[in-house]
Amino acid sequence: MKNIARLVLFFSFIFIIVFVLAGVFRYLQLALDAARTIPVSSPIDMRESLSALQKMVPLILYISILMALSYTARRSMPMLLAIFCTFILAGGAILGVSLGLRHLKSDDTLQLSLFSSNQSLGENKTLGAQGLILSQGDTVMVVLGDPGKAESPRAVSIPGRPLIYQELPSGPNNTIIALPPAPFRDEGSYLMSSFLVDSALVADQFEARLDEGLIPFAIYGGALIFLLVSLRFVLGLSSWPLANLFSGALVFRGILAFQTFVDSRTIQDFILTFSDNHIDSSVISPAIFIILGLVSLLYTFLVSLIRSPYRGKAND
């Protein structure tokens, strides 16, 4: 019981910390994107922040399960007990967070900005001044007026064409042509970008299942968590916890990519066509996750049987 209590506290602590860090990270991203917009964009509201945070929920789930399994391996917690407890904790956490974010986004009272009511991002000064040079691809624009005014005149340089002067930069239906953002932010690495893209795709899948009801969401989420916790053996492959943690992180990254692959429309249609539409599309992904999880548990069981005689001989 003491090990279970410690695991509950550890998982809760890790989940909350990762959740808060993810929220701060996504909010800073939104604030940075708003600040570099020319002219400066409208304030970031609560729903926008919650939607951005929701895209991070799968990544939070993966990290929390990985850290919890690593903790159970370091504490030499019985594998089946560790798998069962982590499954319950992760399932409750993902269900609570998903329902909580969904409720907050649908609450009509959440119309206030995350900023103070006396301070609006739209009141801040737009970056740059008269003569600001912006580029987008091979096209370069020079703002000849105040960058804070969308209708400011500009000069546009397009490769192979004479310099264009636009006194009123209007486009179709007399709409003002938007200026490219200020290029002061370096693009993120491919590794981080791929993490965020895959997490967003899985988050969309979570939201779609939740729209169908709690049961479809529980089936999909439970199958995914079952697959993740069944990989507990990876965290005990060697006597070096840090090496095991890195190995687990690589495996979990592969599972995340595999999940987006299985959930893709192309794979779903292929499986439906192969089965002559005798399978409900909503159970394809959960069935694959459960089968892989059972294979992982079977491997763990067989390895434990093989090691048991050697341990007995060693003790003799």
C-alpha atoms as a PDB file:
ATOM      1  CA  MET A   1       0.000   0.000   0.000  1.00  0.00           C
ATOM      2  CA  LYS A   2       2.863   2.353   0.706  1.00  0.00           C
ATOM      3  CA  ASN A   3       4.223   1.866  -2.824  1.00  0.00           C
ATOM      4  CA  ILE A   4       0.793   2.549  -4.309  1.00  0.00           C
ATOM      5  CA  ALA A   5       0.386   5.719  -2.254  1.00  0.00           C
ATOM      6  CA  ARG A   6       3.810   6.939  -3.357  1.00  0.00           C
ATOM      7  CA  LEU A   7       2.990   6.171  -6.984  1.00  0.00           C
ATOM      8  CA  VAL A   8      -0.272   8.129  -6.733  1.00  0.00           C
ATOM      9  CA  LEU A   9       1.563  11.127  -5.281  1.00  0.00           C
ATOM     10  CA  PHE A  10       4.373  10.900  -7.838  1.00  0.00           C
ATOM     11  CA  PHE A  11       2.023  10.581 -10.822  1.00  0.00           C
ATOM     12  CA  SER A  12      -0.164  13.431  -9.594  1.00  0.00           C
ATOM     13  CA  PHE A  13       2.869  15.659  -9.050  1.00  0.00           C
ATOM     14  CA  ILE A  14       4.369  14.892 -12.465  1.00  0.00           C
ATOM     15  CA  PHE A  15       1.050  15.302 -14.273  1.00  0.00           C
ATOM     16  CA  ILE A  16       0.349  18.678 -12.652  1.00  0.00           C
ATOM     17  CA  ILE A  17       3.875  19.969 -13.276  1.00  0.00           C
ATOM     18  CA  VAL A  18       3.869  18.900 -16.941  1.00  0.00           C
ATOM     19  CA  PHE A  19       0.351  20.275 -17.398  1.00  0.00           C
ATOM     20  CA  VAL A  20       1.310  23.673 -15.980  1.00  0.00           C
ATOM     21  CA  LEU A  21       4.532  23.842 -18.012  1.00  0.00           C
ATOM     22  CA  ALA A  22       2.631  22.916 -21.172  1.00  0.00           C
ATOM     23  CA  GLY A  23       0.077  25.634 -20.456  1.00  0.00           C
ATOM     24  CA  VAL A  24       2.775  28.262 -19.925  1.00  0.00           C
ATOM     25  CA  PHE A  25       4.610  27.133 -23.071  1.00  0.00           C
ATOM     26  CA  ARG A  26       1.514  27.330 -25.256  1.00  0.00           C
ATOM     27  CA  TYR A  27       0.492  30.694 -23.800  1.00  0.00           C
ATOM     28  CA  LEU A  28       3.940  32.159 -24.479  1.00  0.00           C
ATOM     29  CA  GLN A  29       3.740  30.845 -28.034  1.00  0.00           C
ATOM     30  CA  LEU A  30       0.388  32.560 -28.549  1.00  0.00           C
ATOM     31  CA  ALA A  31       1.645  35.789 -26.973  1.00  0.00           C
ATOM     32  CA  LEU A  32       4.752  35.752 -29.148  1.00  0.00           C
ATOM     33  CA  ASP A  33       2.722  35.136 -32.298  1.00  0.00           C
ATOM     34  CA  ALA A  34       0.400  37.999 -31.358  1.00  0.00           C
ATOM     35  CA  ALA A  35       3.277  40.355 -30.594  1.00  0.00           C
ATOM     36  CA  ARG A  36       5.003  39.766 -33.922  1.00  0.00           C
ATOM     37  CA  THR A  37       1.847  40.401 -35.934  1.00  0.00           C
ATOM     38  CA  ILE A  38       1.867  43.639 -37.953  1.00  0.00           C
ATOM     39  CA  PRO A  39      -0.313  45.447 -36.875  1.00  0.00           C
ATOM     40  CA  VAL A  40      -0.471  43.904 -33.430  1.00  0.00           C
ATOM     41  CA  SER A  41      -3.351  41.427 -33.132  1.00  0.00           C
ATOM     42  CA  SER A  42      -6.222  41.326 -30.670  1.00  0.00           C
ATOM     43  CA  PRO A  43      -5.785  40.073 -27.100  1.00  0.00           C
ATOM     44  CA  ILE A  44      -5.504  36.368 -26.402  1.00  0.00           C
ATOM     45  CA  ASP A  45      -8.746  35.156 -24.868  1.00  0.00           C
ATOM     46  CA  MET A  46      -9.276  32.222 -22.553  1.00  0.00           C
ATOM     47  CA  ARG A  47     -10.817  29.937 -25.173  1.00  0.00           C
ATOM     48  CA  GLU A  48      -7.857  30.389 -27.499  1.00  0.00           C
ATOM     49  CA  SER A  49      -5.454  29.485 -24.701  1.00  0.00           C
ATOM     50  CA  LEU A  50      -7.511  26.472 -23.663  1.00  0.00           C
ATOM     51  CA  SER A  51      -7.690  25.229 -27.258  1.00  0.00           C
ATOM     52  CA  ALA A  52      -3.917  25.547 -27.553  1.00  0.00           C
ATOM     53  CA  LEU A  53      -3.460  23.718 -24.263  1.00  0.00           C
ATOM     54  CA  GLN A  54      -5.803  20.945 -25.402  1.00  0.00           C
ATOM     55  CA  LYS A  55      -3.445  20.219 -28.283  1.00  0.00           C
ATOM     56  CA  MET A  56      -0.771  19.389 -25.686  1.00  0.00           C
ATOM     57  CA  VAL A  57      -2.869  16.911 -23.665  1.00  0.00           C
ATOM     58  CA  PRO A  58      -1.607  13.762 -25.493  1.00  0.00           C
ATOM     59  CA  LEU A  59       2.005  14.856 -24.968  1.00  0.00           C
ATOM     60  CA  ILE A  60       1.263  15.448 -21.278  1.00  0.00           C
ATOM     61  CA  LEU A  61      -0.258  11.968 -21.053  1.00  0.00           C
ATOM     62  CA  TYR A  62       2.738  10.302 -22.707  1.00  0.00           C
ATOM     63  CA  ILE A  63       5.272  12.080 -20.489  1.00  0.00           C
ATOM     64  CA  SER A  64       3.332  11.365 -17.287  1.00  0.00           C
ATOM     65  CA  ILE A  65       2.991   7.649 -18.047  1.00  0.00           C
ATOM     66  CA  LEU A  66       6.658   7.392 -19.020  1.00  0.00           C
ATOM     67  CA  MET A  67       7.814   9.040 -15.797  1.00  0.00           C
ATOM     68  CA  ALA A  68       5.423   6.942 -13.693  1.00  0.00           C
ATOM     69  CA  LEU A  69       6.616   3.675 -15.254  1.00  0.00           C
ATOM     70  CA  SER A  70      10.226   4.758 -14.747  1.00  0.00           C
ATOM     71  CA  TYR A  71       9.433   5.448 -11.089  1.00  0.00           C
ATOM     72  CA  THR A  72       7.902   1.994 -10.596  1.00  0.00           C
ATOM     73  CA  ALA A  73      10.958   0.389 -12.195  1.00  0.00           C
ATOM     74  CA  ARG A  74      13.372   2.273  -9.936  1.00  0.00           C
ATOM     75  CA  ARG A  75      11.306   1.336  -6.885  1.00  0.00           C
ATOM     76  CA  SER A  76      11.200  -2.331  -8.001  1.00  0.00           C
ATOM     77  CA  MET A  77       7.416  -2.260  -7.834  1.00  0.00           C
ATOM     78  CA  PRO A  78       5.779  -5.508  -9.051  1.00  0.00           C
ATOM     79  CA  MET A  79       5.184  -5.140 -12.773  1.00  0.00           C
ATOM     80  CA  LEU A  80       1.514  -6.128 -12.874  1.00  0.00           C
ATOM     81  CA  LEU A  81       0.722  -3.854  -9.940  1.00  0.00           C
ATOM     82  CA  ALA A  82       2.632  -1.001 -11.566  1.00  0.00           C
ATOM     83  CA  ILE A  83       0.808  -1.492 -14.875  1.00  0.00           C
ATOM     84  CA  PHE A  84      -2.609  -1.654 -13.226  1.00  0.00           C
ATOM     85  CA  CYS A  85      -2.094   1.390 -10.995  1.00  0.00           C
ATOM     86  CA  THR A  86      -0.598   3.498 -13.783  1.00  0.00           C
ATOM     87  CA  PHE A  87      -3.473   2.539 -16.070  1.00  0.00           C
ATOM     88  CA  ILE A  88      -6.050   3.704 -13.510  1.00  0.00           C
ATOM     89  CA  LEU A  89      -4.194   6.922 -12.721  1.00  0.00           C
ATOM     90  CA  ALA A  90      -3.589   7.845 -16.368  1.00  0.00           C
ATOM     91  CA  GLY A  91      -7.161   7.001 -17.357  1.00  0.00           C
ATOM     92  CA  GLY A  92      -8.627   9.148 -14.597  1.00  0.00           C
ATOM     93  CA  ALA A  93      -6.264  12.025 -15.367  1.00  0.00           C
ATOM     94  CA  ILE A  94      -6.922  12.129 -19.112  1.00  0.00           C
ATOM     95  CA  LEU A  95     -10.684  11.838 -18.606  1.00  0.00           C
ATOM     96  CA  GLY A  96     -10.732  14.595 -15.988  1.00  0.00           C
ATOM     97  CA  VAL A  97      -8.551  16.980 -17.997  1.00  0.00           C
ATOM     98  CA  SER A  98     -10.458  16.399 -21.244  1.00  0.00           C
ATOM     99  CA  LEU A  99     -13.836  16.966 -19.616  1.00  0.00           C
ATOM    100  CA  GLY A 100     -12.521  19.948 -17.676  1.00  0.00           C
ATOM    101  CA  LEU A 101     -11.091  21.706 -20.728  1.00  0.00           C
ATOM    102  CA  ARG A 102     -14.236  20.942 -22.699  1.00  0.00           C
ATOM    103  CA  HIS A 103     -16.421  22.460 -19.978  1.00  0.00           C
ATOM    104  CA  LEU A 104     -14.244  25.560 -19.675  1.00  0.00           C
ATOM    105  CA  LYS A 105     -14.267  26.173 -23.424  1.00  0.00           C
ATOM    106  CA  SER A 106     -18.053  25.890 -23.590  1.00  0.00           C
ATOM    107  CA  ASP A 107     -18.624  28.187 -20.604  1.00  0.00           C
ATOM    108  CA  ASP A 108     -20.163  31.461 -21.824  1.00  0.00           C
ATOM    109  CA  THR A 109     -18.641  33.359 -18.899  1.00  0.00           C
ATOM    110  CA  LEU A 110     -15.125  32.842 -20.255  1.00  0.00           C
ATOM    111  CA  GLN A 111     -15.116  35.933 -22.428  1.00  0.00           C
ATOM    112  CA  LEU A 112     -12.439  37.805 -20.503  1.00  0.00           C
ATOM    113  CA  SER A 113      -8.919  38.196 -21.770  1.00  0.00           C
ATOM    114  CA  LEU A 114      -6.047  36.554 -19.941  1.00  0.00           C
ATOM    115  CA  PHE A 115      -4.634  40.048 -19.646  1.00  0.00           C
ATOM    116  CA  SER A 116      -5.815  42.642 -17.163  1.00  0.00           C
ATOM    117  CA  SER A 117      -9.073  44.376 -18.005  1.00  0.00           C
ATOM    118  CA  ASN A 118      -7.195  47.684 -17.993  1.00  0.00           C
ATOM    119  CA  GLN A 119      -4.537  46.461 -20.404  1.00  0.00           C
ATOM    120  CA  SER A 120      -5.169  45.102 -23.856  1.00  0.00           C
ATOM    121  CA  LEU A 121      -2.582  43.735 -26.250  1.00  0.00           C
ATOM    122  CA  GLY A 122      -4.331  45.694 -28.991  1.00  0.00           C
ATOM    123  CA  GLU A 123      -3.360  48.924 -27.168  1.00  0.00           C
ATOM    124  CA  ASN A 124       0.333  48.063 -27.255  1.00  0.00           C
ATOM    125  CA  LYS A 125       2.568  49.687 -29.808  1.00  0.00           C
ATOM    126  CA  THR A 126       3.155  47.662 -32.947  1.00  0.00           C
ATOM    127  CA  LEU A 127       6.731  46.613 -33.518  1.00  0.00           C
ATOM    128  CA  GLY A 128       8.722  48.836 -35.852  1.00  0.00           C
ATOM    129  CA  ALA A 129       8.199  52.314 -37.252  1.00  0.00           C
ATOM    130  CA  GLN A 130       7.890  54.057 -40.613  1.00  0.00           C
ATOM    131  CA  GLY A 131      10.190  52.360 -43.109  1.00  0.00           C
ATOM    132  CA  LEU A 132       9.801  48.878 -41.550  1.00  0.00           C
ATOM    133  CA  ILE A 133      10.980  46.180 -43.968  1.00  0.00           C
ATOM    134  CA  LEU A 134       9.163  42.827 -43.920  1.00  0.00           C
ATOM    135  CA  SER A 135       9.755  39.774 -46.066  1.00  0.00           C
ATOM    136  CA  GLN A 136       7.756  36.695 -46.951  1.00  0.00           C
ATOM    137  CA  GLY A 137       9.560  34.244 -49.167  1.00  0.00           C
ATOM    138  CA  ASP A 138      11.121  36.213 -52.028  1.00  0.00           C
ATOM    139  CA  THR A 139       8.693  39.123 -51.627  1.00  0.00           C
ATOM    140  CA  VAL A 140       9.840  42.170 -49.641  1.00  0.00           C
ATOM    141  CA  MET A 141       7.517  44.907 -48.352  1.00  0.00           C
ATOM    142  CA  VAL A 142       8.495  48.339 -47.046  1.00  0.00           C
ATOM    143  CA  VAL A 143       5.855  50.000 -44.862  1.00  0.00           C
ATOM    144  CA  LEU A 144       5.915  53.711 -45.740  1.00  0.00           C
ATOM    145  CA  GLY A 145       3.502  54.778 -43.016  1.00  0.00           C
ATOM    146  CA  ASP A 146       2.718  53.732 -39.447  1.00  0.00           C
ATOM    147  CA  PRO A 147       2.974  49.901 -39.163  1.00  0.00           C
ATOM    148  CA  GLY A 148       0.224  50.041 -36.547  1.00  0.00           C
ATOM    149  CA  LYS A 149      -2.293  51.033 -39.223  1.00  0.00           C
ATOM    150  CA  ALA A 150      -3.302  48.266 -41.620  1.00  0.00           C
ATOM    151  CA  GLU A 151      -4.090  50.734 -44.418  1.00  0.00           C
ATOM    152  CA  SER A 152      -0.625  52.320 -44.390  1.00  0.00           C
ATOM    153  CA  PRO A 153       0.924  52.664 -47.864  1.00  0.00           C
ATOM    154  CA  ARG A 154       3.698  50.289 -48.773  1.00  0.00           C
ATOM    155  CA  ALA A 155       6.224  49.461 -51.471  1.00  0.00           C
ATOM    156  CA  VAL A 156       6.398  45.850 -52.625  1.00  0.00           C
ATOM    157  CA  SER A 157       9.379  44.216 -54.294  1.00  0.00           C
ATOM    158  CA  ILE A 158       8.671  41.001 -56.232  1.00  0.00           C
ATOM    159  CA  PRO A 159      11.559  39.220 -58.017  1.00  0.00           C
ATOM    160  CA  GLY A 160      11.546  39.865 -61.758  1.00  0.00           C
ATOM    161  CA  ARG A 161       9.022  42.713 -61.539  1.00  0.00           C
ATOM    162  CA  PRO A 162       9.305  46.514 -61.084  1.00  0.00           C
ATOM    163  CA  LEU A 163       8.857  47.972 -57.606  1.00  0.00           C
ATOM    164  CA  ILE A 164       5.137  48.312 -56.780  1.00  0.00           C
ATOM    165  CA  TYR A 165       3.773  51.257 -54.803  1.00  0.00           C
ATOM    166  CA  GLN A 166       0.494  50.617 -53.001  1.00  0.00           C
ATOM    167  CA  GLU A 167      -1.094  53.721 -51.568  1.00  0.00           C
ATOM    168  CA  LEU A 168      -4.025  51.651 -50.328  1.00  0.00           C
ATOM    169  CA  PRO A 169      -3.063  47.942 -50.223  1.00  0.00           C
ATOM    170  CA  SER A 170      -6.506  46.499 -50.896  1.00  0.00           C
ATOM    171  CA  GLY A 171      -7.230  43.041 -52.206  1.00  0.00           C
ATOM    172  CA  PRO A 172     -10.380  41.143 -53.262  1.00  0.00           C
ATOM    173  CA  ASN A 173     -13.643  42.641 -51.984  1.00  0.00           C
ATOM    174  CA  ASN A 174     -11.692  45.736 -50.874  1.00  0.00           C
ATOM    175  CA  THR A 175     -10.066  43.861 -47.996  1.00  0.00           C
ATOM    176  CA  ILE A 176      -6.721  45.099 -46.696  1.00  0.00           C
ATOM    177  CA  ILE A 177      -3.838  42.833 -47.674  1.00  0.00           C
ATOM    178  CA  ALA A 178      -2.228  41.551 -44.481  1.00  0.00           C
ATOM    179  CA  LEU A 179       1.416  42.194 -43.762  1.00  0.00           C
ATOM    180  CA  PRO A 180       3.725  39.275 -42.935  1.00  0.00           C
ATOM    181  CA  PRO A 181       4.711  38.925 -39.264  1.00  0.00           C
ATOM    182  CA  ALA A 182       7.887  40.397 -37.863  1.00  0.00           C
ATOM    183  CA  PRO A 183      10.655  37.829 -38.509  1.00  0.00           C
ATOM    184  CA  PHE A 184      12.329  37.958 -35.095  1.00  0.00           C
ATOM    185  CA  ARG A 185      11.462  34.421 -34.008  1.00  0.00           C
ATOM    186  CA  ASP A 186      13.631  31.510 -35.079  1.00  0.00           C
ATOM    187  CA  GLU A 187      11.728  28.526 -36.395  1.00  0.00           C
ATOM    188  CA  GLY A 188      11.623  25.568 -34.036  1.00  0.00           C
ATOM    189  CA  SER A 189      13.554  22.395 -34.640  1.00  0.00           C
ATOM    190  CA  TYR A 190      12.070  19.616 -36.720  1.00  0.00           C
ATOM    191  CA  LEU A 191      12.029  17.308 -33.691  1.00  0.00           C
ATOM    192  CA  MET A 192       9.990  19.699 -31.554  1.00  0.00           C
ATOM    193  CA  SER A 193       7.711  20.590 -34.453  1.00  0.00           C
ATOM    194  CA  SER A 194       6.995  16.925 -35.144  1.00  0.00           C
ATOM    195  CA  PHE A 195       6.163  16.379 -31.467  1.00  0.00           C
ATOM    196  CA  LEU A 196       3.680  19.254 -31.488  1.00  0.00           C
ATOM    197  CA  VAL A 197       2.103  18.228 -34.793  1.00  0.00           C
ATOM    198  CA  ASP A 198       1.593  14.617 -33.704  1.00  0.00           C
ATOM    199  CA  SER A 199       0.248  15.741 -30.340  1.00  0.00           C
ATOM    200  CA  ALA A 200      -2.229  18.079 -32.063  1.00  0.00           C
ATOM    201  CA  LEU A 201      -3.422  15.279 -34.356  1.00  0.00           C
ATOM    202  CA  VAL A 202      -3.976  12.942 -31.405  1.00  0.00           C
ATOM    203  CA  ALA A 203      -5.733  15.735 -29.503  1.00  0.00           C
ATOM    204  CA  ASP A 204      -8.129  16.143 -32.428  1.00  0.00           C
ATOM    205  CA  GLN A 205      -8.800  12.421 -32.241  1.00  0.00           C
ATOM    206  CA  PHE A 206      -9.506  12.682 -28.509  1.00  0.00           C
ATOM    207  CA  GLU A 207     -11.891  15.571 -29.085  1.00  0.00           C
ATOM    208  CA  ALA A 208     -13.686  13.747 -31.907  1.00  0.00           C
ATOM    209  CA  ARG A 209     -14.169  10.666 -29.711  1.00  0.00           C
ATOM    210  CA  LEU A 210     -15.423  12.819 -26.858  1.00  0.00           C
ATOM    211  CA  ASP A 211     -17.940  14.414 -29.205  1.00  0.00           C
ATOM    212  CA  GLU A 212     -19.296  10.915 -29.865  1.00  0.00           C
ATOM    213  CA  GLY A 213     -19.727  10.274 -26.139  1.00  0.00           C
ATOM    214  CA  LEU A 214     -17.924   9.097 -23.037  1.00  0.00           C
ATOM    215  CA  ILE A 215     -17.930   5.432 -24.051  1.00  0.00           C
ATOM    216  CA  PRO A 216     -16.142   5.921 -27.418  1.00  0.00           C
ATOM    217  CA  PHE A 217     -13.682   8.250 -25.690  1.00  0.00           C
ATOM    218  CA  ALA A 218     -13.075   5.746 -22.866  1.00  0.00           C
ATOM    219  CA  ILE A 219     -12.557   2.885 -25.332  1.00  0.00           C
ATOM    220  CA  TYR A 220     -10.050   4.813 -27.424  1.00  0.00           C
ATOM    221  CA  GLY A 221      -8.213   6.397 -24.486  1.00  0.00           C
ATOM    222  CA  GLY A 222      -8.220   3.191 -22.457  1.00  0.00           C
ATOM    223  CA  ALA A 223      -6.790   1.174 -25.345  1.00  0.00           C
ATOM    224  CA  LEU A 224      -4.030   3.721 -25.886  1.00  0.00           C
ATOM    225  CA  ILE A 225      -3.128   3.844 -22.199  1.00  0.00           C
ATOM    226  CA  PHE A 226      -3.159   0.041 -22.060  1.00  0.00           C
ATOM    227  CA  LEU A 227      -0.614  -0.060 -24.880  1.00  0.00           C
ATOM    228  CA  LEU A 228       1.604   2.514 -23.174  1.00  0.00           C
ATOM    229  CA  VAL A 229       1.598   0.882 -19.726  1.00  0.00           C
ATOM    230  CA  SER A 230       2.220  -2.555 -21.265  1.00  0.00           C
ATOM    231  CA  LEU A 231       5.649  -1.246 -22.283  1.00  0.00           C
ATOM    232  CA  ARG A 232       6.743  -1.220 -18.649  1.00  0.00           C
ATOM    233  CA  PHE A 233       9.419  -3.824 -19.416  1.00  0.00           C
ATOM    234  CA  VAL A 234      11.325  -1.245 -21.484  1.00  0.00           C
ATOM    235  CA  LEU A 235      11.988   0.742 -18.306  1.00  0.00           C
ATOM    236  CA  GLY A 236      13.713  -2.268 -16.743  1.00  0.00           C
ATOM    237  CA  LEU A 237      15.895  -3.490 -19.590  1.00  0.00           C
ATOM    238  CA  SER A 238      19.147  -2.517 -17.884  1.00  0.00           C
ATOM    239  CA  SER A 239      20.459  -1.569 -14.465  1.00  0.00           C
ATOM    240  CA  TRP A 240      20.863   2.070 -15.540  1.00  0.00           C
ATOM    241  CA  PRO A 241      17.614   4.002 -14.869  1.00  0.00           C
ATOM    242  CA  LEU A 242      18.624   6.962 -17.033  1.00  0.00           C
ATOM    243  CA  ALA A 243      19.396   4.726 -20.014  1.00  0.00           C
ATOM    244  CA  ASN A 244      16.073   2.962 -19.513  1.00  0.00           C
ATOM    245  CA  LEU A 245      14.305   6.321 -19.411  1.00  0.00           C
ATOM    246  CA  PHE A 246      15.865   7.368 -22.715  1.00  0.00           C
ATOM    247  CA  SER A 247      14.952   4.012 -24.241  1.00  0.00           C
ATOM    248  CA  GLY A 248      11.390   4.418 -23.030  1.00  0.00           C
ATOM    249  CA  ALA A 249      11.240   7.941 -24.456  1.00  0.00           C
ATOM    250  CA  LEU A 250      12.314   6.655 -27.879  1.00  0.00           C
ATOM    251  CA  VAL A 251       9.736   3.869 -27.767  1.00  0.00           C
ATOM    252  CA  PHE A 252       6.988   6.260 -26.676  1.00  0.00           C
ATOM    253  CA  ARG A 253       7.930   8.636 -29.495  1.00  0.00           C
ATOM    254  CA  GLY A 254       7.515   5.757 -31.910  1.00  0.00           C
ATOM    255  CA  ILE A 255       4.123   4.915 -30.413  1.00  0.00           C
ATOM    256  CA  LEU A 256       2.999   8.527 -30.829  1.00  0.00           C
ATOM    257  CA  ALA A 257       4.009   8.495 -34.496  1.00  0.00           C
ATOM    258  CA  PHE A 258       2.406   5.075 -34.947  1.00  0.00           C
ATOM    259  CA  GLN A 259      -0.807   6.349 -33.372  1.00  0.00           C
ATOM    260  CA  THR A 260      -1.106   9.200 -35.853  1.00  0.00           C
ATOM    261  CA  PHE A 261      -0.330   6.742 -38.647  1.00  0.00           C
ATOM    262  CA  VAL A 262      -3.078   4.326 -37.594  1.00  0.00           C
ATOM    263  CA  ASP A 263      -5.572   7.167 -37.091  1.00  0.00           C
ATOM    264  CA  SER A 264      -4.931   8.620 -40.549  1.00  0.00           C
ATOM    265  CA  ARG A 265      -7.807   8.476 -42.998  1.00  0.00           C
ATOM    266  CA  THR A 266      -5.734   6.559 -45.548  1.00  0.00           C
ATOM    267  CA  ILE A 267      -4.996   3.667 -43.171  1.00  0.00           C
ATOM    268  CA  GLN A 268      -8.542   3.629 -41.817  1.00  0.00           C
ATOM    269  CA  ASP A 269     -10.009   3.427 -45.333  1.00  0.00           C
ATOM    270  CA  PHE A 270      -7.520   0.726 -46.294  1.00  0.00           C
ATOM    271  CA  ILE A 271      -8.478  -1.442 -43.314  1.00  0.00           C
ATOM    272  CA  LEU A 272     -12.179  -0.899 -43.989  1.00  0.00           C
ATOM    273  CA  THR A 273     -11.730  -1.858 -47.628  1.00  0.00           C
ATOM    274  CA  PHE A 274      -9.635  -4.897 -46.706  1.00  0.00           C
ATOM    275  CA  SER A 275     -12.334  -6.097 -44.274  1.00  0.00           C
ATOM    276  CA  ASP A 276     -15.103  -5.374 -46.799  1.00  0.00           C
ATOM    277  CA  ASN A 277     -16.581  -2.799 -44.366  1.00  0.00           C
ATOM    278  CA  HIS A 278     -17.387  -5.480 -41.788  1.00  0.00           C
ATOM    279  CA  ILE A 279     -15.536  -3.524 -39.077  1.00  0.00           C
ATOM    280  CA  ASP A 280     -16.765  -0.391 -37.370  1.00  0.00           C
ATOM    281  CA  SER A 281     -14.237   2.365 -38.083  1.00  0.00           C
ATOM    282  CA  SER A 282     -14.406   3.572 -34.479  1.00  0.00           C
ATOM    283  CA  VAL A 283     -12.877   0.331 -33.131  1.00  0.00           C
ATOM    284  CA  ILE A 284     -10.015  -0.035 -35.605  1.00  0.00           C
ATOM    285  CA  SER A 285      -7.471   2.022 -33.666  1.00  0.00           C
ATOM    286  CA  PRO A 286      -8.455   0.725 -30.189  1.00  0.00           C
ATOM    287  CA  ALA A 287      -8.310  -2.867 -31.455  1.00  0.00           C
ATOM    288  CA  ILE A 288      -4.802  -2.360 -32.828  1.00  0.00           C
ATOM    289  CA  PHE A 289      -3.646  -0.746 -29.577  1.00  0.00           C
ATOM    290  CA  ILE A 290      -5.066  -3.586 -27.474  1.00  0.00           C
ATOM    291  CA  ILE A 291      -3.531  -6.281 -29.678  1.00  0.00           C
ATOM    292  CA  LEU A 292      -0.106  -4.653 -29.471  1.00  0.00           C
ATOM    293  CA  GLY A 293      -0.513  -4.240 -25.719  1.00  0.00           C
ATOM    294  CA  LEU A 294      -1.371  -7.916 -25.293  1.00  0.00           C
ATOM    295  CA  VAL A 295       1.651  -8.890 -27.394  1.00  0.00           C
ATOM    296  CA  SER A 296       3.832  -6.699 -25.168  1.00  0.00           C
ATOM    297  CA  LEU A 297       2.418  -8.284 -22.007  1.00  0.00           C
ATOM    298  CA  LEU A 298       2.884 -11.764 -23.477  1.00  0.00           C
ATOM    299  CA  TYR A 299       6.522 -10.954 -24.228  1.00  0.00           C
ATOM    300  CA  THR A 300       6.980  -9.680 -20.671  1.00  0.00           C
ATOM    301  CA  PHE A 301       5.435 -12.857 -19.252  1.00  0.00           C
ATOM    302  CA  LEU A 302       7.575 -15.178 -21.389  1.00  0.00           C
ATOM    303  CA  VAL A 303      10.758 -13.309 -20.506  1.00  0.00           C
ATOM    304  CA  SER A 304       9.916 -13.551 -16.805  1.00  0.00           C
ATOM    305  CA  LEU A 305       9.400 -17.315 -17.183  1.00  0.00           C
ATOM    306  CA  ILE A 306      12.764 -17.694 -18.891  1.00  0.00           C
ATOM    307  CA  ARG A 307      14.579 -15.681 -16.242  1.00  0.00           C
ATOM    308  CA  SER A 308      12.970 -17.463 -13.290  1.00  0.00           C
ATOM    309  CA  PRO A 309      14.980 -20.759 -13.587  1.00  0.00           C
ATOM    310  CA  TYR A 310      18.232 -18.811 -13.878  1.00  0.00           C
ATOM    311  CA  ARG A 311      17.413 -16.833 -10.759  1.00  0.00           C
ATOM    312  CA  GLY A 312      16.690 -20.059  -8.928  1.00  0.00           C
ATOM    313  CA  LYS A 313      20.022 -21.562  -9.973  1.00  0.00           C
ATOM    314  CA  ALA A 314      21.794 -18.351  -8.981  1.00  0.00           C
ATOM    315  CA  ASN A 315      20.264 -18.502  -5.530  1.00  0.00           C
ATOM    316  CA  ASP A 316      21.383 -22.146  -5.156  1.00  0.00           C
END
